[in-house]
């Protein structure tokens, strides 16, 4: 369940611009708890880690 926008961190709702940005960029906020994630971008993709909910990857 996603309660927050993964791009701007605000409450979930109509985030069309954020959804468009997430096509080209990694998420910056955890969609479950709104924590700012540690993001690493590499030539092969990206990796984002939430301290509470673990890691997401572009693969």
PDB file of N, CA and C in Angstrom:
ATOM      1  N   UNK A   1       0.842  -1.182   0.000  1.00  0.00           N
ATOM      2  CA  UNK A   1       0.000   0.000   0.000  1.00  0.00           C
ATOM      3  C   UNK A   1       0.884   1.242   0.000  1.00  0.00           C
ATOM      4  N   UNK A   2       0.690   2.096  -0.969  1.00  0.00           N
ATOM      5  CA  UNK A   2       1.474   3.314  -1.066  1.00  0.00           C
ATOM      6  C   UNK A   2       0.671   4.486  -0.522  1.00  0.00           C
ATOM      7  N   UNK A   3       1.150   5.077   0.559  1.00  0.00           N
ATOM      8  CA  UNK A   3       0.462   6.198   1.185  1.00  0.00           C
ATOM      9  C   UNK A   3       1.076   7.533   0.803  1.00  0.00           C
ATOM     10  N   UNK A   4       2.297   7.506   0.238  1.00  0.00           N
ATOM     11  CA  UNK A   4       3.005   8.734  -0.101  1.00  0.00           C
ATOM     12  C   UNK A   4       3.576   8.654  -1.508  1.00  0.00           C
ATOM     13  N   UNK A   5       3.778   9.815  -2.106  1.00  0.00           N
ATOM     14  CA  UNK A   5       4.386   9.901  -3.434  1.00  0.00           C
ATOM     15  C   UNK A   5       5.878   9.587  -3.324  1.00  0.00           C
ATOM     16  N   UNK A   6       6.380   8.706  -4.178  1.00  0.00           N
ATOM     17  CA  UNK A   6       7.789   8.312  -4.140  1.00  0.00           C
ATOM     18  C   UNK A   6       8.708   9.395  -4.704  1.00  0.00           C
ATOM     19  N   UNK A   7       8.145  10.395  -5.370  1.00  0.00           N
ATOM     20  CA  UNK A   7       8.969  11.463  -5.945  1.00  0.00           C
ATOM     21  C   UNK A   7       9.059  12.684  -5.023  1.00  0.00           C
ATOM     22  N   UNK A   8       7.901  13.173  -4.528  1.00  0.00           N
ATOM     23  CA  UNK A   8       7.912  14.401  -3.710  1.00  0.00           C
ATOM     24  C   UNK A   8       7.690  14.150  -2.224  1.00  0.00           C
ATOM     25  N   UNK A   9       7.203  12.962  -1.857  1.00  0.00           N
ATOM     26  CA  UNK A   9       7.003  12.634  -0.458  1.00  0.00           C
ATOM     27  C   UNK A   9       5.687  13.096   0.129  1.00  0.00           C
ATOM     28  N   UNK A  10       4.848  13.749  -0.659  1.00  0.00           N
ATOM     29  CA  UNK A  10       3.555  14.218  -0.152  1.00  0.00           C
ATOM     30  C   UNK A  10       2.544  13.075  -0.151  1.00  0.00           C
ATOM     31  N   UNK A  11       1.399  13.304   0.477  1.00  0.00           N
ATOM     32  CA  UNK A  11       0.362  12.276   0.548  1.00  0.00           C
ATOM     33  C   UNK A  11      -0.053  11.835  -0.850  1.00  0.00           C
ATOM     34  N   UNK A  12      -0.382  10.567  -0.979  1.00  0.00           N
ATOM     35  CA  UNK A  12      -0.778  10.014  -2.277  1.00  0.00           C
ATOM     36  C   UNK A  12      -2.024  10.719  -2.784  1.00  0.00           C
ATOM     37  N   UNK A  13      -2.117  10.827  -4.079  1.00  0.00           N
ATOM     38  CA  UNK A  13      -3.255  11.488  -4.716  1.00  0.00           C
ATOM     39  C   UNK A  13      -2.924  11.685  -6.173  1.00  0.00           C
ATOM     40  N   UNK A  14      -3.304  12.830  -6.721  1.00  0.00           N
ATOM     41  CA  UNK A  14      -3.044  13.123  -8.128  1.00  0.00           C
ATOM     42  C   UNK A  14      -1.649  13.719  -8.279  1.00  0.00           C
ATOM     43  N   UNK A  15      -0.699  12.892  -8.641  1.00  0.00           N
ATOM     44  CA  UNK A  15       0.684  13.312  -8.823  1.00  0.00           C
ATOM     45  C   UNK A  15       1.140  12.968 -10.240  1.00  0.00           C
ATOM     46  N   UNK A  16       0.443  13.476 -11.229  1.00  0.00           N
ATOM     47  CA  UNK A  16       0.747  13.151 -12.628  1.00  0.00           C
ATOM     48  C   UNK A  16       2.162  13.596 -12.997  1.00  0.00           C
ATOM     49  N   UNK A  17       2.566  14.788 -12.563  1.00  0.00           N
ATOM     50  CA  UNK A  17       3.914  15.280 -12.872  1.00  0.00           C
ATOM     51  C   UNK A  17       4.972  14.421 -12.182  1.00  0.00           C
ATOM     52  N   UNK A  18       4.699  14.004 -10.967  1.00  0.00           N
ATOM     53  CA  UNK A  18       5.641  13.142 -10.240  1.00  0.00           C
ATOM     54  C   UNK A  18       5.752  11.780 -10.916  1.00  0.00           C
ATOM     55  N   UNK A  19       4.632  11.237 -11.363  1.00  0.00           N
ATOM     56  CA  UNK A  19       4.643   9.935 -12.044  1.00  0.00           C
ATOM     57  C   UNK A  19       5.464  10.023 -13.326  1.00  0.00           C
ATOM     58  N   UNK A  20       5.346  11.138 -14.035  1.00  0.00           N
ATOM     59  CA  UNK A  20       6.131  11.331 -15.258  1.00  0.00           C
ATOM     60  C   UNK A  20       7.622  11.427 -14.930  1.00  0.00           C
ATOM     61  N   UNK A  21       7.959  12.093 -13.841  1.00  0.00           N
ATOM     62  CA  UNK A  21       9.364  12.232 -13.443  1.00  0.00           C
ATOM     63  C   UNK A  21       9.948  10.883 -13.020  1.00  0.00           C
ATOM     64  N   UNK A  22       9.150  10.041 -12.391  1.00  0.00           N
ATOM     65  CA  UNK A  22       9.636   8.743 -11.924  1.00  0.00           C
ATOM     66  C   UNK A  22       9.937   7.778 -13.066  1.00  0.00           C
ATOM     67  N   UNK A  23       9.474   8.092 -14.264  1.00  0.00           N
ATOM     68  CA  UNK A  23       9.822   7.268 -15.420  1.00  0.00           C
ATOM     69  C   UNK A  23      11.315   7.387 -15.716  1.00  0.00           C
ATOM     70  N   UNK A  24      11.873   8.585 -15.509  1.00  0.00           N
ATOM     71  CA  UNK A  24      13.277   8.843 -15.824  1.00  0.00           C
ATOM     72  C   UNK A  24      14.189   8.908 -14.604  1.00  0.00           C
ATOM     73  N   UNK A  25      13.629   9.049 -13.402  1.00  0.00           N
ATOM     74  CA  UNK A  25      14.415   9.238 -12.180  1.00  0.00           C
ATOM     75  C   UNK A  25      14.074   8.163 -11.153  1.00  0.00           C
ATOM     76  N   UNK A  26      15.002   7.865 -10.253  1.00  0.00           N
ATOM     77  CA  UNK A  26      14.681   6.914  -9.174  1.00  0.00           C
ATOM     78  C   UNK A  26      13.786   7.579  -8.132  1.00  0.00           C
ATOM     79  N   UNK A  27      13.083   6.786  -7.339  1.00  0.00           N
ATOM     80  CA  UNK A  27      12.276   7.355  -6.255  1.00  0.00           C
ATOM     81  C   UNK A  27      13.185   7.983  -5.199  1.00  0.00           C
ATOM     82  N   UNK A  28      12.741   9.043  -4.604  1.00  0.00           N
ATOM     83  CA  UNK A  28      13.513   9.737  -3.562  1.00  0.00           C
ATOM     84  C   UNK A  28      12.953   9.496  -2.173  1.00  0.00           C
ATOM     85  N   UNK A  29      11.669   9.161  -2.086  1.00  0.00           N
ATOM     86  CA  UNK A  29      11.005   8.930  -0.804  1.00  0.00           C
ATOM     87  C   UNK A  29      10.390   7.545  -0.790  1.00  0.00           C
ATOM     88  N   UNK A  30      10.360   6.926   0.368  1.00  0.00           N
ATOM     89  CA  UNK A  30       9.686   5.640   0.521  1.00  0.00           C
ATOM     90  C   UNK A  30       8.180   5.887   0.427  1.00  0.00           C
ATOM     91  N   UNK A  31       7.513   5.156  -0.445  1.00  0.00           N
ATOM     92  CA  UNK A  31       6.076   5.334  -0.644  1.00  0.00           C
ATOM     93  C   UNK A  31       5.264   4.782   0.529  1.00  0.00           C
ATOM     94  N   UNK A  32       5.890   3.994   1.388  1.00  0.00           N
ATOM     95  CA  UNK A  32       5.177   3.410   2.533  1.00  0.00           C
ATOM     96  C   UNK A  32       5.288   4.260   3.795  1.00  0.00           C
ATOM     97  N   UNK A  33       6.460   4.899   4.015  1.00  0.00           N
ATOM     98  CA  UNK A  33       6.649   5.619   5.281  1.00  0.00           C
ATOM     99  C   UNK A  33       7.123   7.069   5.127  1.00  0.00           C
ATOM    100  N   UNK A  34       7.368   7.534   3.904  1.00  0.00           N
ATOM    101  CA  UNK A  34       7.770   8.904   3.588  1.00  0.00           C
ATOM    102  C   UNK A  34       9.202   9.251   4.002  1.00  0.00           C
ATOM    103  N   UNK A  35       9.981   8.251   4.382  1.00  0.00           N
ATOM    104  CA  UNK A  35      11.384   8.533   4.710  1.00  0.00           C
ATOM    105  C   UNK A  35      12.157   8.836   3.438  1.00  0.00           C
ATOM    106  N   UNK A  36      13.110   9.723   3.536  1.00  0.00           N
ATOM    107  CA  UNK A  36      13.998  10.016   2.415  1.00  0.00           C
ATOM    108  C   UNK A  36      14.906   8.798   2.248  1.00  0.00           C
ATOM    109  N   UNK A  37      15.023   8.303   1.031  1.00  0.00           N
ATOM    110  CA  UNK A  37      15.812   7.101   0.786  1.00  0.00           C
ATOM    111  C   UNK A  37      17.220   7.453   0.324  1.00  0.00           C
ATOM    112  N   UNK A  38      18.151   6.560   0.592  1.00  0.00           N
ATOM    113  CA  UNK A  38      19.515   6.663   0.097  1.00  0.00           C
ATOM    114  C   UNK A  38      19.485   6.112  -1.323  1.00  0.00           C
ATOM    115  N   UNK A  39      19.857   6.941  -2.307  1.00  0.00           N
ATOM    116  CA  UNK A  39      19.759   6.556  -3.713  1.00  0.00           C
ATOM    117  C   UNK A  39      21.143   6.539  -4.337  1.00  0.00           C
ATOM    118  N   UNK A  40      21.430   5.467  -5.061  1.00  0.00           N
ATOM    119  CA  UNK A  40      22.681   5.355  -5.806  1.00  0.00           C
ATOM    120  C   UNK A  40      22.329   5.111  -7.266  1.00  0.00           C
ATOM    121  N   UNK A  41      22.839   5.994  -8.142  1.00  0.00           N
ATOM    122  CA  UNK A  41      22.603   5.864  -9.577  1.00  0.00           C
ATOM    123  C   UNK A  41      23.891   5.388 -10.233  1.00  0.00           C
ATOM    124  N   UNK A  42      23.789   4.349 -11.060  1.00  0.00           N
ATOM    125  CA  UNK A  42      24.936   3.803 -11.781  1.00  0.00           C
ATOM    126  C   UNK A  42      24.586   3.771 -13.271  1.00  0.00           C
ATOM    127  N   UNK A  43      25.570   3.530 -14.126  1.00  0.00           N
ATOM    128  CA  UNK A  43      25.257   3.417 -15.557  1.00  0.00           C
ATOM    129  C   UNK A  43      24.265   2.279 -15.865  1.00  0.00           C
ATOM    130  N   UNK A  44      24.214   1.276 -15.015  1.00  0.00           N
ATOM    131  CA  UNK A  44      23.324   0.133 -15.244  1.00  0.00           C
ATOM    132  C   UNK A  44      21.925   0.340 -14.673  1.00  0.00           C
ATOM    133  N   UNK A  45      21.701   1.370 -13.857  1.00  0.00           N
ATOM    134  CA  UNK A  45      20.392   1.599 -13.249  1.00  0.00           C
ATOM    135  C   UNK A  45      20.496   2.365 -11.955  1.00  0.00           C
ATOM    136  N   UNK A  46      19.621   2.074 -11.015  1.00  0.00           N
ATOM    137  CA  UNK A  46      19.635   2.744  -9.718  1.00  0.00           C
ATOM    138  C   UNK A  46      19.252   1.772  -8.608  1.00  0.00           C
ATOM    139  N   UNK A  47      19.587   2.171  -7.384  1.00  0.00           N
ATOM    140  CA  UNK A  47      19.268   1.416  -6.176  1.00  0.00           C
ATOM    141  C   UNK A  47      18.838   2.437  -5.121  1.00  0.00           C
ATOM    142  N   UNK A  48      17.689   2.218  -4.492  1.00  0.00           N
ATOM    143  CA  UNK A  48      17.185   3.111  -3.451  1.00  0.00           C
ATOM    144  C   UNK A  48      16.909   2.276  -2.209  1.00  0.00           C
ATOM    145  N   UNK A  49      17.344   2.776  -1.040  1.00  0.00           N
ATOM    146  CA  UNK A  49      17.201   2.004   0.196  1.00  0.00           C
ATOM    147  C   UNK A  49      16.496   2.826   1.266  1.00  0.00           C
ATOM    148  N   UNK A  50      15.427   2.252   1.805  1.00  0.00           N
ATOM    149  CA  UNK A  50      14.712   2.823   2.943  1.00  0.00           C
ATOM    150  C   UNK A  50      15.223   2.117   4.192  1.00  0.00           C
ATOM    151  N   UNK A  51      15.511   2.861   5.246  1.00  0.00           N
ATOM    152  CA  UNK A  51      16.012   2.266   6.479  1.00  0.00           C
ATOM    153  C   UNK A  51      14.987   1.326   7.112  1.00  0.00           C
ATOM    154  N   UNK A  52      13.721   1.566   6.869  1.00  0.00           N
ATOM    155  CA  UNK A  52      12.657   0.759   7.465  1.00  0.00           C
ATOM    156  C   UNK A  52      12.182  -0.380   6.562  1.00  0.00           C
ATOM    157  N   UNK A  53      12.083  -0.144   5.250  1.00  0.00           N
ATOM    158  CA  UNK A  53      11.436  -1.102   4.358  1.00  0.00           C
ATOM    159  C   UNK A  53      12.353  -1.762   3.338  1.00  0.00           C
ATOM    160  N   UNK A  54      13.639  -1.503   3.401  1.00  0.00           N
ATOM    161  CA  UNK A  54      14.555  -2.216   2.533  1.00  0.00           C
ATOM    162  C   UNK A  54      14.866  -1.525   1.220  1.00  0.00           C
ATOM    163  N   UNK A  55      15.261  -2.316   0.234  1.00  0.00           N
ATOM    164  CA  UNK A  55      15.829  -1.800  -1.001  1.00  0.00           C
ATOM    165  C   UNK A  55      14.937  -2.023  -2.216  1.00  0.00           C
ATOM    166  N   UNK A  56      14.964  -1.037  -3.110  1.00  0.00           N
ATOM    167  CA  UNK A  56      14.327  -1.128  -4.423  1.00  0.00           C
ATOM    168  C   UNK A  56      15.419  -0.974  -5.462  1.00  0.00           C
ATOM    169  N   UNK A  57      15.271  -1.634  -6.604  1.00  0.00           N
ATOM    170  CA  UNK A  57      16.234  -1.477  -7.691  1.00  0.00           C
ATOM    171  C   UNK A  57      15.488  -1.284  -9.006  1.00  0.00           C
ATOM    172  N   UNK A  58      16.191  -0.757  -9.985  1.00  0.00           N
ATOM    173  CA  UNK A  58      15.580  -0.548 -11.288  1.00  0.00           C
ATOM    174  C   UNK A  58      15.542  -1.829 -12.103  1.00  0.00           C
ATOM    175  N   UNK A  59      16.234  -2.854 -11.664  1.00  0.00           N
ATOM    176  CA  UNK A  59      16.290  -4.121 -12.414  1.00  0.00           C
ATOM    177  C   UNK A  59      15.032  -4.940 -12.273  1.00  0.00           C
TER     178      UNK A  59
END
